[in-house]
């Protein structure tokens, strides 16, 4: 089961002047509350549906939706922990615990053919001061049905837009991307999931293709691309028919078929498209 997807690192890290704003804010005596947001992405190949959930754990007693980069993140009764790195070289394996009151989480899992395993979890952290202006109600006003109003003694009112002069949708810590590795616990009260990085999942190896001295391509395949009528055996000796044609999986074998100065498709080391003079 493949967890690593194309473009894994895309948008994983933010590089802009906004990071300078975040760094400057952290140097202040009172930088403000840290806001922690999560994205949970399901994919059709494993879960039967392409869908993304946006939520936050309600830290700092924020129990309403949080608007970040024009996206609403809903509060959920969850605990998220274990994201800290340590110096022993072991990658974090965070845990998400969600309330299972009334069996709601169990009911959702029952609709997923492969469970929640393999779902992509993105952790986003920023400061409250950088949230979208929709999160900030004007002070000393009343929330009526369609917005915030300042009420006067004579009964008249004036509509006030939420504002935040320091709103910045790009001021965030580097995003942390994990995948649901397994469901570690499920009771009537709580469901717990263990997360892992893309390099810490069972059966995943980095780099995906090892550098070795023998070619890894399938002979006469789309990767190898050799379609000549000169035939050689595994010892690079000339043979007369295709039934005896076997590649020796060496650089010399590749040179013999494609030419001494050709751009070789050799699939071992140093790799594709390397010239051997």
C-alpha atoms as a PDB file:
ATOM      1  CA  UNK A   1       0.000   0.000   0.000  1.00  0.00           C
ATOM      2  CA  UNK A   2       1.634   3.236  -1.143  1.00  0.00           C
ATOM      3  CA  UNK A   3       1.369   6.219   1.151  1.00  0.00           C
ATOM      4  CA  UNK A   4       3.847   8.604  -0.492  1.00  0.00           C
ATOM      5  CA  UNK A   5       2.234  10.696  -3.218  1.00  0.00           C
ATOM      6  CA  UNK A   6       3.659  12.790  -6.041  1.00  0.00           C
ATOM      7  CA  UNK A   7       4.534  16.318  -4.946  1.00  0.00           C
ATOM      8  CA  UNK A   8       4.849  15.350  -1.299  1.00  0.00           C
ATOM      9  CA  UNK A   9       6.956  18.417  -0.494  1.00  0.00           C
ATOM     10  CA  UNK A  10       4.899  20.855  -2.612  1.00  0.00           C
ATOM     11  CA  UNK A  11       3.518  23.674  -0.445  1.00  0.00           C
ATOM     12  CA  UNK A  12       4.972  21.950   2.577  1.00  0.00           C
ATOM     13  CA  UNK A  13       7.121  24.894   3.477  1.00  0.00           C
ATOM     14  CA  UNK A  14       6.438  28.587   3.149  1.00  0.00           C
ATOM     15  CA  UNK A  15       9.194  30.867   1.882  1.00  0.00           C
ATOM     16  CA  UNK A  16       8.289  34.554   1.823  1.00  0.00           C
ATOM     17  CA  UNK A  17       8.615  37.825   3.703  1.00  0.00           C
ATOM     18  CA  UNK A  18       5.810  36.567   5.932  1.00  0.00           C
ATOM     19  CA  UNK A  19       8.245  34.264   7.695  1.00  0.00           C
ATOM     20  CA  UNK A  20      10.243  37.337   8.672  1.00  0.00           C
ATOM     21  CA  UNK A  21       7.054  38.721  10.250  1.00  0.00           C
ATOM     22  CA  UNK A  22       6.569  35.500  12.193  1.00  0.00           C
ATOM     23  CA  UNK A  23      10.175  35.490  13.373  1.00  0.00           C
ATOM     24  CA  UNK A  24       9.927  39.135  14.470  1.00  0.00           C
ATOM     25  CA  UNK A  25       6.713  38.434  16.369  1.00  0.00           C
ATOM     26  CA  UNK A  26       8.327  35.558  18.265  1.00  0.00           C
ATOM     27  CA  UNK A  27      11.038  37.927  19.533  1.00  0.00           C
ATOM     28  CA  UNK A  28       8.463  40.089  21.295  1.00  0.00           C
ATOM     29  CA  UNK A  29       7.645  39.745  24.982  1.00  0.00           C
ATOM     30  CA  UNK A  30       4.034  38.853  24.194  1.00  0.00           C
ATOM     31  CA  UNK A  31       3.877  37.356  20.700  1.00  0.00           C
ATOM     32  CA  UNK A  32       0.320  36.111  21.207  1.00  0.00           C
ATOM     33  CA  UNK A  33      -1.423  32.758  21.262  1.00  0.00           C
ATOM     34  CA  UNK A  34      -0.271  29.916  19.049  1.00  0.00           C
ATOM     35  CA  UNK A  35      -3.018  28.592  16.769  1.00  0.00           C
ATOM     36  CA  UNK A  36      -2.810  24.952  15.667  1.00  0.00           C
ATOM     37  CA  UNK A  37      -4.757  23.808  12.604  1.00  0.00           C
ATOM     38  CA  UNK A  38      -5.079  20.435  10.879  1.00  0.00           C
ATOM     39  CA  UNK A  39      -5.971  19.208   7.408  1.00  0.00           C
ATOM     40  CA  UNK A  40      -7.043  15.586   6.927  1.00  0.00           C
ATOM     41  CA  UNK A  41      -6.970  14.473   3.285  1.00  0.00           C
ATOM     42  CA  UNK A  42      -8.640  11.312   2.043  1.00  0.00           C
ATOM     43  CA  UNK A  43      -7.884   9.928  -1.409  1.00  0.00           C
ATOM     44  CA  UNK A  44     -10.120   7.923  -3.711  1.00  0.00           C
ATOM     45  CA  UNK A  45      -7.568   5.149  -4.272  1.00  0.00           C
ATOM     46  CA  UNK A  46      -7.555   4.124  -0.603  1.00  0.00           C
ATOM     47  CA  UNK A  47     -10.682   5.627   0.897  1.00  0.00           C
ATOM     48  CA  UNK A  48     -13.107   5.679  -2.030  1.00  0.00           C
ATOM     49  CA  UNK A  49     -13.413   9.482  -1.939  1.00  0.00           C
ATOM     50  CA  UNK A  50     -11.295  12.581  -2.463  1.00  0.00           C
ATOM     51  CA  UNK A  51     -12.151  14.811   0.462  1.00  0.00           C
ATOM     52  CA  UNK A  52     -10.335  17.149   2.837  1.00  0.00           C
ATOM     53  CA  UNK A  53     -11.439  17.944   6.396  1.00  0.00           C
ATOM     54  CA  UNK A  54     -10.296  21.129   8.104  1.00  0.00           C
ATOM     55  CA  UNK A  55     -10.321  21.250  11.895  1.00  0.00           C
ATOM     56  CA  UNK A  56      -8.601  22.522  15.021  1.00  0.00           C
ATOM     57  CA  UNK A  57      -8.374  21.026  18.485  1.00  0.00           C
ATOM     58  CA  UNK A  58      -9.832  23.983  20.368  1.00  0.00           C
ATOM     59  CA  UNK A  59      -6.585  25.083  21.999  1.00  0.00           C
ATOM     60  CA  UNK A  60      -6.546  28.459  23.793  1.00  0.00           C
ATOM     61  CA  UNK A  61     -10.261  27.914  24.486  1.00  0.00           C
ATOM     62  CA  UNK A  62     -11.204  28.752  20.893  1.00  0.00           C
ATOM     63  CA  UNK A  63     -14.448  26.829  20.432  1.00  0.00           C
ATOM     64  CA  UNK A  64     -15.655  28.437  17.200  1.00  0.00           C
ATOM     65  CA  UNK A  65     -14.551  28.115  13.590  1.00  0.00           C
ATOM     66  CA  UNK A  66     -11.141  29.593  12.795  1.00  0.00           C
ATOM     67  CA  UNK A  67     -10.724  31.234   9.389  1.00  0.00           C
ATOM     68  CA  UNK A  68      -7.224  30.800   7.948  1.00  0.00           C
ATOM     69  CA  UNK A  69      -6.364  31.783   4.392  1.00  0.00           C
ATOM     70  CA  UNK A  70     -10.118  32.053   3.659  1.00  0.00           C
ATOM     71  CA  UNK A  71     -10.684  28.446   4.784  1.00  0.00           C
ATOM     72  CA  UNK A  72     -12.842  27.621   7.811  1.00  0.00           C
ATOM     73  CA  UNK A  73     -11.393  25.131  10.312  1.00  0.00           C
ATOM     74  CA  UNK A  74     -14.008  23.569  12.567  1.00  0.00           C
ATOM     75  CA  UNK A  75     -13.438  22.802  16.251  1.00  0.00           C
ATOM     76  CA  UNK A  76     -13.367  19.084  17.076  1.00  0.00           C
ATOM     77  CA  UNK A  77     -13.124  17.343  20.461  1.00  0.00           C
ATOM     78  CA  UNK A  78      -9.650  15.903  19.879  1.00  0.00           C
ATOM     79  CA  UNK A  79      -6.231  15.764  21.477  1.00  0.00           C
ATOM     80  CA  UNK A  80      -3.105  16.020  19.338  1.00  0.00           C
ATOM     81  CA  UNK A  81       0.313  15.353  20.832  1.00  0.00           C
ATOM     82  CA  UNK A  82       3.761  13.923  20.170  1.00  0.00           C
ATOM     83  CA  UNK A  83       4.965  16.312  17.456  1.00  0.00           C
ATOM     84  CA  UNK A  84       8.188  17.181  19.287  1.00  0.00           C
ATOM     85  CA  UNK A  85      11.553  16.222  17.807  1.00  0.00           C
ATOM     86  CA  UNK A  86      14.345  14.881  19.974  1.00  0.00           C
ATOM     87  CA  UNK A  87      18.075  14.427  19.518  1.00  0.00           C
ATOM     88  CA  UNK A  88      18.207  10.631  19.290  1.00  0.00           C
ATOM     89  CA  UNK A  89      17.415  10.554  15.583  1.00  0.00           C
ATOM     90  CA  UNK A  90      13.982   8.985  15.921  1.00  0.00           C
ATOM     91  CA  UNK A  91      11.183  10.593  13.906  1.00  0.00           C
ATOM     92  CA  UNK A  92       8.073  11.706  15.827  1.00  0.00           C
ATOM     93  CA  UNK A  93       5.016   9.469  15.752  1.00  0.00           C
ATOM     94  CA  UNK A  94       2.240  11.841  16.867  1.00  0.00           C
ATOM     95  CA  UNK A  95      -1.143  10.670  18.105  1.00  0.00           C
ATOM     96  CA  UNK A  96      -4.614  12.031  17.432  1.00  0.00           C
ATOM     97  CA  UNK A  97      -7.387  11.118  19.863  1.00  0.00           C
ATOM     98  CA  UNK A  98     -10.949  11.945  18.850  1.00  0.00           C
ATOM     99  CA  UNK A  99     -14.064  11.745  20.979  1.00  0.00           C
ATOM    100  CA  UNK A 100     -16.226   8.782  20.002  1.00  0.00           C
ATOM    101  CA  UNK A 101     -19.377   9.783  21.837  1.00  0.00           C
ATOM    102  CA  UNK A 102     -22.440   8.196  20.237  1.00  0.00           C
ATOM    103  CA  UNK A 103     -20.056   6.139  18.067  1.00  0.00           C
ATOM    104  CA  UNK A 104     -19.732   8.931  15.498  1.00  0.00           C
ATOM    105  CA  UNK A 105     -16.062   8.218  14.620  1.00  0.00           C
ATOM    106  CA  UNK A 106     -16.725   4.479  14.424  1.00  0.00           C
ATOM    107  CA  UNK A 107     -19.604   5.166  12.037  1.00  0.00           C
ATOM    108  CA  UNK A 108     -17.335   7.221   9.763  1.00  0.00           C
ATOM    109  CA  UNK A 109     -14.640   4.533   9.749  1.00  0.00           C
ATOM    110  CA  UNK A 110     -17.234   1.956   8.748  1.00  0.00           C
ATOM    111  CA  UNK A 111     -17.792   3.867   5.489  1.00  0.00           C
ATOM    112  CA  UNK A 112     -14.100   3.714   4.504  1.00  0.00           C
ATOM    113  CA  UNK A 113     -13.071   0.488   2.721  1.00  0.00           C
ATOM    114  CA  UNK A 114      -9.467   0.631   3.971  1.00  0.00           C
ATOM    115  CA  UNK A 115     -10.094   2.557   7.183  1.00  0.00           C
ATOM    116  CA  UNK A 116      -8.378   5.888   7.759  1.00  0.00           C
ATOM    117  CA  UNK A 117      -4.880   4.444   7.247  1.00  0.00           C
ATOM    118  CA  UNK A 118      -2.931   6.343   4.591  1.00  0.00           C
ATOM    119  CA  UNK A 119      -4.837   9.596   5.034  1.00  0.00           C
ATOM    120  CA  UNK A 120      -2.594  12.652   4.869  1.00  0.00           C
ATOM    121  CA  UNK A 121      -2.496  14.879   7.957  1.00  0.00           C
ATOM    122  CA  UNK A 122      -1.028  18.374   7.670  1.00  0.00           C
ATOM    123  CA  UNK A 123      -0.291  20.351  10.822  1.00  0.00           C
ATOM    124  CA  UNK A 124      -0.304  24.142  10.474  1.00  0.00           C
ATOM    125  CA  UNK A 125       0.786  26.532  13.215  1.00  0.00           C
ATOM    126  CA  UNK A 126       0.601  30.304  13.272  1.00  0.00           C
ATOM    127  CA  UNK A 127      -0.047  33.137  15.720  1.00  0.00           C
ATOM    128  CA  UNK A 128      -3.477  34.525  16.459  1.00  0.00           C
ATOM    129  CA  UNK A 129      -2.425  37.966  15.240  1.00  0.00           C
ATOM    130  CA  UNK A 130      -1.997  36.614  11.695  1.00  0.00           C
ATOM    131  CA  UNK A 131      -5.458  35.052  11.359  1.00  0.00           C
ATOM    132  CA  UNK A 132      -7.921  36.348   8.762  1.00  0.00           C
ATOM    133  CA  UNK A 133      -9.867  39.447   9.753  1.00  0.00           C
ATOM    134  CA  UNK A 134     -13.117  37.436   9.841  1.00  0.00           C
ATOM    135  CA  UNK A 135     -11.955  36.032  13.194  1.00  0.00           C
ATOM    136  CA  UNK A 136     -11.929  39.418  14.902  1.00  0.00           C
ATOM    137  CA  UNK A 137     -15.195  40.995  15.946  1.00  0.00           C
ATOM    138  CA  UNK A 138     -15.261  44.761  16.532  1.00  0.00           C
ATOM    139  CA  UNK A 139     -15.235  45.653  20.247  1.00  0.00           C
ATOM    140  CA  UNK A 140     -18.230  46.963  22.198  1.00  0.00           C
ATOM    141  CA  UNK A 141     -20.738  45.918  19.572  1.00  0.00           C
ATOM    142  CA  UNK A 142     -23.561  43.415  19.239  1.00  0.00           C
ATOM    143  CA  UNK A 143     -23.741  40.429  16.940  1.00  0.00           C
ATOM    144  CA  UNK A 144     -27.043  40.581  15.113  1.00  0.00           C
ATOM    145  CA  UNK A 145     -28.334  38.053  12.622  1.00  0.00           C
ATOM    146  CA  UNK A 146     -26.200  39.124   9.649  1.00  0.00           C
ATOM    147  CA  UNK A 147     -23.127  40.694  11.246  1.00  0.00           C
ATOM    148  CA  UNK A 148     -21.681  43.088  13.832  1.00  0.00           C
ATOM    149  CA  UNK A 149     -23.518  46.320  14.623  1.00  0.00           C
ATOM    150  CA  UNK A 150     -22.855  49.301  16.839  1.00  0.00           C
ATOM    151  CA  UNK A 151     -26.158  50.249  18.484  1.00  0.00           C
ATOM    152  CA  UNK A 152     -27.016  53.787  19.530  1.00  0.00           C
ATOM    153  CA  UNK A 153     -29.337  54.905  22.302  1.00  0.00           C
ATOM    154  CA  UNK A 154     -31.899  56.200  19.814  1.00  0.00           C
ATOM    155  CA  UNK A 155     -32.253  52.707  18.371  1.00  0.00           C
ATOM    156  CA  UNK A 156     -30.265  53.306  15.196  1.00  0.00           C
ATOM    157  CA  UNK A 157     -27.258  51.172  14.303  1.00  0.00           C
ATOM    158  CA  UNK A 158     -24.255  51.048  12.009  1.00  0.00           C
ATOM    159  CA  UNK A 159     -22.679  47.943  10.513  1.00  0.00           C
ATOM    160  CA  UNK A 160     -19.001  47.349  11.339  1.00  0.00           C
ATOM    161  CA  UNK A 161     -16.675  45.098   9.348  1.00  0.00           C
ATOM    162  CA  UNK A 162     -14.301  42.777  11.270  1.00  0.00           C
ATOM    163  CA  UNK A 163     -10.727  44.020  10.903  1.00  0.00           C
ATOM    164  CA  UNK A 164      -7.221  42.803  11.655  1.00  0.00           C
ATOM    165  CA  UNK A 165      -4.342  44.987  10.515  1.00  0.00           C
ATOM    166  CA  UNK A 166      -1.792  42.177  11.046  1.00  0.00           C
ATOM    167  CA  UNK A 167      -3.645  39.470   9.089  1.00  0.00           C
ATOM    168  CA  UNK A 168      -1.208  37.457   6.994  1.00  0.00           C
ATOM    169  CA  UNK A 169      -2.247  34.100   5.440  1.00  0.00           C
ATOM    170  CA  UNK A 170       1.392  33.150   4.796  1.00  0.00           C
ATOM    171  CA  UNK A 171       2.865  33.770   8.248  1.00  0.00           C
ATOM    172  CA  UNK A 172       3.146  30.225   9.549  1.00  0.00           C
ATOM    173  CA  UNK A 173       5.699  27.725  10.784  1.00  0.00           C
ATOM    174  CA  UNK A 174       6.904  25.139   8.258  1.00  0.00           C
ATOM    175  CA  UNK A 175       4.056  22.716   7.721  1.00  0.00           C
ATOM    176  CA  UNK A 176       4.431  19.233   9.155  1.00  0.00           C
ATOM    177  CA  UNK A 177       3.055  16.435   6.996  1.00  0.00           C
ATOM    178  CA  UNK A 178       2.203  13.011   8.377  1.00  0.00           C
ATOM    179  CA  UNK A 179       0.146  10.009   7.333  1.00  0.00           C
ATOM    180  CA  UNK A 180      -2.207   7.905   9.431  1.00  0.00           C
ATOM    181  CA  UNK A 181      -0.201   4.748  10.054  1.00  0.00           C
ATOM    182  CA  UNK A 182      -2.653   2.773  12.162  1.00  0.00           C
ATOM    183  CA  UNK A 183      -5.624   2.913  14.510  1.00  0.00           C
ATOM    184  CA  UNK A 184      -4.006   2.298  17.889  1.00  0.00           C
ATOM    185  CA  UNK A 185      -7.139   2.275  20.069  1.00  0.00           C
ATOM    186  CA  UNK A 186     -10.929   2.363  19.784  1.00  0.00           C
ATOM    187  CA  UNK A 187     -13.404   2.452  22.663  1.00  0.00           C
ATOM    188  CA  UNK A 188     -16.864   3.830  23.275  1.00  0.00           C
ATOM    189  CA  UNK A 189     -15.240   7.040  24.484  1.00  0.00           C
ATOM    190  CA  UNK A 190     -12.280   7.691  22.189  1.00  0.00           C
ATOM    191  CA  UNK A 191     -10.580   6.588  18.966  1.00  0.00           C
ATOM    192  CA  UNK A 192      -6.804   7.016  18.747  1.00  0.00           C
ATOM    193  CA  UNK A 193      -4.689   7.120  15.579  1.00  0.00           C
ATOM    194  CA  UNK A 194      -0.913   6.958  15.326  1.00  0.00           C
ATOM    195  CA  UNK A 195       0.724   9.119  12.670  1.00  0.00           C
ATOM    196  CA  UNK A 196       4.035   8.654  10.898  1.00  0.00           C
ATOM    197  CA  UNK A 197       6.138  10.635   8.462  1.00  0.00           C
ATOM    198  CA  UNK A 198       6.499   9.490   4.861  1.00  0.00           C
ATOM    199  CA  UNK A 199       9.928   8.032   5.707  1.00  0.00           C
ATOM    200  CA  UNK A 200       8.719   6.136   8.759  1.00  0.00           C
ATOM    201  CA  UNK A 201       6.022   3.964   7.210  1.00  0.00           C
ATOM    202  CA  UNK A 202       6.245   0.202   6.835  1.00  0.00           C
ATOM    203  CA  UNK A 203       7.662  -0.813   3.489  1.00  0.00           C
ATOM    204  CA  UNK A 204       8.743   2.687   2.478  1.00  0.00           C
ATOM    205  CA  UNK A 205      12.403   3.216   1.644  1.00  0.00           C
ATOM    206  CA  UNK A 206      14.313   6.401   0.864  1.00  0.00           C
ATOM    207  CA  UNK A 207      15.582   6.881  -1.717  1.00  0.00           C
ATOM    208  CA  UNK A 208      12.928   4.938  -3.558  1.00  0.00           C
ATOM    209  CA  UNK A 209      15.523   3.550  -6.005  1.00  0.00           C
ATOM    210  CA  UNK A 210      18.853   2.502  -4.584  1.00  0.00           C
ATOM    211  CA  UNK A 211      22.107   3.337  -6.347  1.00  0.00           C
ATOM    212  CA  UNK A 212      23.779   0.045  -7.234  1.00  0.00           C
ATOM    213  CA  UNK A 213      26.402  -1.101  -9.724  1.00  0.00           C
ATOM    214  CA  UNK A 214      24.011  -3.348 -11.657  1.00  0.00           C
ATOM    215  CA  UNK A 215      21.267  -2.013 -13.915  1.00  0.00           C
ATOM    216  CA  UNK A 216      17.782  -2.206 -12.449  1.00  0.00           C
ATOM    217  CA  UNK A 217      15.829  -1.710 -15.690  1.00  0.00           C
ATOM    218  CA  UNK A 218      13.963  -4.579 -17.313  1.00  0.00           C
ATOM    219  CA  UNK A 219      15.871  -5.505 -20.462  1.00  0.00           C
ATOM    220  CA  UNK A 220      14.226  -4.254 -23.697  1.00  0.00           C
ATOM    221  CA  UNK A 221      11.545  -2.422 -21.706  1.00  0.00           C
ATOM    222  CA  UNK A 222      10.393   1.202 -21.966  1.00  0.00           C
ATOM    223  CA  UNK A 223      13.090   2.092 -19.412  1.00  0.00           C
ATOM    224  CA  UNK A 224      15.875   0.168 -21.117  1.00  0.00           C
ATOM    225  CA  UNK A 225      14.644   1.089 -24.638  1.00  0.00           C
ATOM    226  CA  UNK A 226      17.078  -1.241 -26.431  1.00  0.00           C
ATOM    227  CA  UNK A 227      15.349  -2.689 -29.520  1.00  0.00           C
ATOM    228  CA  UNK A 228      18.358  -3.641 -31.661  1.00  0.00           C
ATOM    229  CA  UNK A 229      18.897  -6.854 -33.586  1.00  0.00           C
ATOM    230  CA  UNK A 230      22.394  -7.429 -32.229  1.00  0.00           C
ATOM    231  CA  UNK A 231      22.191 -10.153 -29.609  1.00  0.00           C
ATOM    232  CA  UNK A 232      24.541 -10.819 -26.670  1.00  0.00           C
ATOM    233  CA  UNK A 233      24.541 -13.166 -23.700  1.00  0.00           C
ATOM    234  CA  UNK A 234      25.036 -12.223 -20.045  1.00  0.00           C
ATOM    235  CA  UNK A 235      28.823 -12.277 -20.569  1.00  0.00           C
ATOM    236  CA  UNK A 236      28.491  -9.742 -23.429  1.00  0.00           C
ATOM    237  CA  UNK A 237      29.391 -12.375 -26.025  1.00  0.00           C
ATOM    238  CA  UNK A 238      27.736 -12.326 -29.461  1.00  0.00           C
ATOM    239  CA  UNK A 239      24.917 -14.847 -29.920  1.00  0.00           C
ATOM    240  CA  UNK A 240      22.882 -15.634 -33.027  1.00  0.00           C
ATOM    241  CA  UNK A 241      19.258 -15.475 -31.943  1.00  0.00           C
ATOM    242  CA  UNK A 242      16.947 -13.542 -29.660  1.00  0.00           C
ATOM    243  CA  UNK A 243      16.239 -16.519 -27.398  1.00  0.00           C
ATOM    244  CA  UNK A 244      19.833 -16.320 -26.145  1.00  0.00           C
ATOM    245  CA  UNK A 245      19.813 -12.550 -25.785  1.00  0.00           C
ATOM    246  CA  UNK A 246      20.401 -11.660 -22.103  1.00  0.00           C
ATOM    247  CA  UNK A 247      21.721  -8.382 -20.696  1.00  0.00           C
ATOM    248  CA  UNK A 248      24.686  -8.548 -18.326  1.00  0.00           C
ATOM    249  CA  UNK A 249      23.279  -5.581 -16.322  1.00  0.00           C
ATOM    250  CA  UNK A 250      26.659  -3.801 -16.387  1.00  0.00           C
ATOM    251  CA  UNK A 251      27.749  -0.458 -17.823  1.00  0.00           C
ATOM    252  CA  UNK A 252      29.826  -2.324 -20.401  1.00  0.00           C
ATOM    253  CA  UNK A 253      26.697  -4.250 -21.414  1.00  0.00           C
ATOM    254  CA  UNK A 254      24.894  -0.954 -21.971  1.00  0.00           C
ATOM    255  CA  UNK A 255      27.809   0.495 -23.972  1.00  0.00           C
ATOM    256  CA  UNK A 256      27.920  -2.605 -26.152  1.00  0.00           C
ATOM    257  CA  UNK A 257      24.280  -2.185 -27.182  1.00  0.00           C
ATOM    258  CA  UNK A 258      23.941   1.606 -27.380  1.00  0.00           C
ATOM    259  CA  UNK A 259      27.469   2.639 -28.363  1.00  0.00           C
ATOM    260  CA  UNK A 260      30.510   3.877 -26.463  1.00  0.00           C
ATOM    261  CA  UNK A 261      29.520   7.566 -26.468  1.00  0.00           C
ATOM    262  CA  UNK A 262      25.742   7.251 -26.426  1.00  0.00           C
ATOM    263  CA  UNK A 263      23.457   8.604 -23.721  1.00  0.00           C
ATOM    264  CA  UNK A 264      22.840   5.416 -21.813  1.00  0.00           C
ATOM    265  CA  UNK A 265      19.601   4.488 -20.017  1.00  0.00           C
ATOM    266  CA  UNK A 266      21.637   2.457 -17.508  1.00  0.00           C
ATOM    267  CA  UNK A 267      19.446   2.025 -14.438  1.00  0.00           C
ATOM    268  CA  UNK A 268      22.142   1.456 -11.820  1.00  0.00           C
ATOM    269  CA  UNK A 269      24.799   3.935 -10.762  1.00  0.00           C
ATOM    270  CA  UNK A 270      25.327   6.802 -11.571  1.00  0.00           C
ATOM    271  CA  UNK A 271      21.909   6.792 -13.215  1.00  0.00           C
ATOM    272  CA  UNK A 272      19.835   7.838 -16.186  1.00  0.00           C
ATOM    273  CA  UNK A 273      21.192  10.019 -18.946  1.00  0.00           C
ATOM    274  CA  UNK A 274      24.840   9.837 -17.932  1.00  0.00           C
ATOM    275  CA  UNK A 275      27.507   9.802 -20.609  1.00  0.00           C
ATOM    276  CA  UNK A 276      30.265   7.228 -20.434  1.00  0.00           C
ATOM    277  CA  UNK A 277      33.258   8.189 -22.586  1.00  0.00           C
END
